[in-house]
């Protein structure tokens, strides 16, 4: 089986599920004024699409040596992980009130 046969359905599934989560989060916030789902949504967006976009930008910069790209990608990974964990912490704090 080719990689494309596995990668595309997984990518599509991730985007569909992410879109559903964002939609339900906005619904819950709008109708119930509960911010917990919004924090979870922000965590997902940071660790998902934002990280992907930043990594893509670094990889597409031809003037940066590969060893330097790896350092930047590691930095992006760590910073987006921190953002992810920060918003999950906010969700836990808010849900415990």
Protein backbone atom coordinates (compact mmCIF):
# COMPACT_ATOMS: atom_id res chain seq x y z
CA UNK A 1 0.00 0.00 0.00
CA UNK A 2 1.32 3.42 -0.91
CA UNK A 3 1.86 6.09 1.73
CA UNK A 4 -0.60 8.41 -0.01
CA UNK A 5 -3.36 5.85 0.56
CA UNK A 6 -2.78 6.11 4.30
CA UNK A 7 -1.79 9.76 4.65
CA UNK A 8 -4.72 11.39 2.84
CA UNK A 9 -7.53 9.66 4.77
CA UNK A 10 -5.74 10.42 8.05
CA UNK A 11 -5.22 14.05 7.09
CA UNK A 12 -8.84 14.38 5.99
CA UNK A 13 -10.05 12.73 9.21
CA UNK A 14 -7.96 15.12 11.29
CA UNK A 15 -9.36 18.17 9.52
CA UNK A 16 -12.95 16.92 9.76
CA UNK A 17 -12.64 16.12 13.46
CA UNK A 18 -10.86 19.43 14.14
CA UNK A 19 -13.58 21.33 12.32
CA UNK A 20 -16.26 19.53 14.35
CA UNK A 21 -14.47 20.34 17.60
CA UNK A 22 -14.18 24.01 16.66
CA UNK A 23 -17.84 24.13 15.66
CA UNK A 24 -19.07 22.50 18.86
CA UNK A 25 -16.74 24.67 20.93
CA UNK A 26 -18.19 27.83 19.43
CA UNK A 27 -21.71 26.48 19.91
CA UNK A 28 -21.09 25.67 23.59
CA UNK A 29 -19.49 29.06 24.19
CA UNK A 30 -22.25 30.98 22.40
CA UNK A 31 -25.19 29.20 24.03
CA UNK A 32 -23.78 28.17 27.41
CA UNK A 33 -21.00 30.73 27.92
CA UNK A 34 -18.57 27.93 28.78
CA UNK A 35 -14.97 28.79 27.84
CA UNK A 36 -13.46 25.35 28.49
CA UNK A 37 -14.09 24.08 24.95
CA UNK A 38 -12.55 27.26 23.54
CA UNK A 39 -9.34 26.63 25.48
CA UNK A 40 -9.25 23.07 24.18
CA UNK A 41 -9.83 24.35 20.64
CA UNK A 42 -6.97 26.84 20.96
CA UNK A 43 -4.70 24.05 22.23
CA UNK A 44 -5.58 21.91 19.22
CA UNK A 45 -5.13 24.75 16.73
CA UNK A 46 -1.71 25.64 18.15
CA UNK A 47 -0.42 22.06 18.15
CA UNK A 48 -2.01 21.28 14.79
CA UNK A 49 -2.36 23.75 11.93
CA UNK A 50 -0.20 26.53 13.39
CA UNK A 51 2.68 24.14 14.03
CA UNK A 52 2.25 22.63 10.55
CA UNK A 53 2.33 26.05 8.89
CA UNK A 54 5.43 27.17 10.80
CA UNK A 55 7.28 23.93 10.02
CA UNK A 56 6.31 24.22 6.36
CA UNK A 57 7.63 27.79 6.24
CA UNK A 58 10.95 26.73 7.74
CA UNK A 59 11.29 23.74 5.40
CA UNK A 60 10.55 25.88 2.35
CA UNK A 61 13.29 28.42 3.11
CA UNK A 62 16.06 27.41 0.75
CA UNK A 63 18.65 29.81 2.11
CA UNK A 64 18.71 28.16 5.56
CA UNK A 65 21.04 25.14 5.96
CA UNK A 66 19.40 21.83 6.89
CA UNK A 67 21.07 21.62 10.30
CA UNK A 68 19.67 25.07 11.12
CA UNK A 69 16.20 24.07 9.90
CA UNK A 70 16.22 21.10 12.27
CA UNK A 71 17.00 23.45 15.17
CA UNK A 72 14.16 25.80 14.21
CA UNK A 73 11.73 22.91 13.78
CA UNK A 74 12.66 21.59 17.23
CA UNK A 75 12.10 25.08 18.67
CA UNK A 76 8.71 25.31 16.96
CA UNK A 77 7.79 21.88 18.31
CA UNK A 78 8.68 22.86 21.87
CA UNK A 79 6.95 26.26 21.72
CA UNK A 80 3.74 24.86 20.26
CA UNK A 81 3.80 22.08 22.88
CA UNK A 82 4.04 24.75 25.57
CA UNK A 83 1.11 26.62 24.03
CA UNK A 84 -0.89 23.38 23.85
CA UNK A 85 -0.22 22.56 27.49
CA UNK A 86 -0.92 26.14 28.60
CA UNK A 87 -4.41 26.12 27.08
CA UNK A 88 -5.12 22.66 28.48
CA UNK A 89 -4.12 24.00 31.91
CA UNK A 90 -6.52 26.91 31.45
CA UNK A 91 -9.27 24.42 30.54
CA UNK A 92 -8.61 22.40 33.70
CA UNK A 93 -8.55 25.50 35.91
CA UNK A 94 -11.76 26.84 34.36
CA UNK A 95 -13.55 23.49 34.63
CA UNK A 96 -12.69 23.20 38.33
CA UNK A 97 -14.52 26.44 39.19
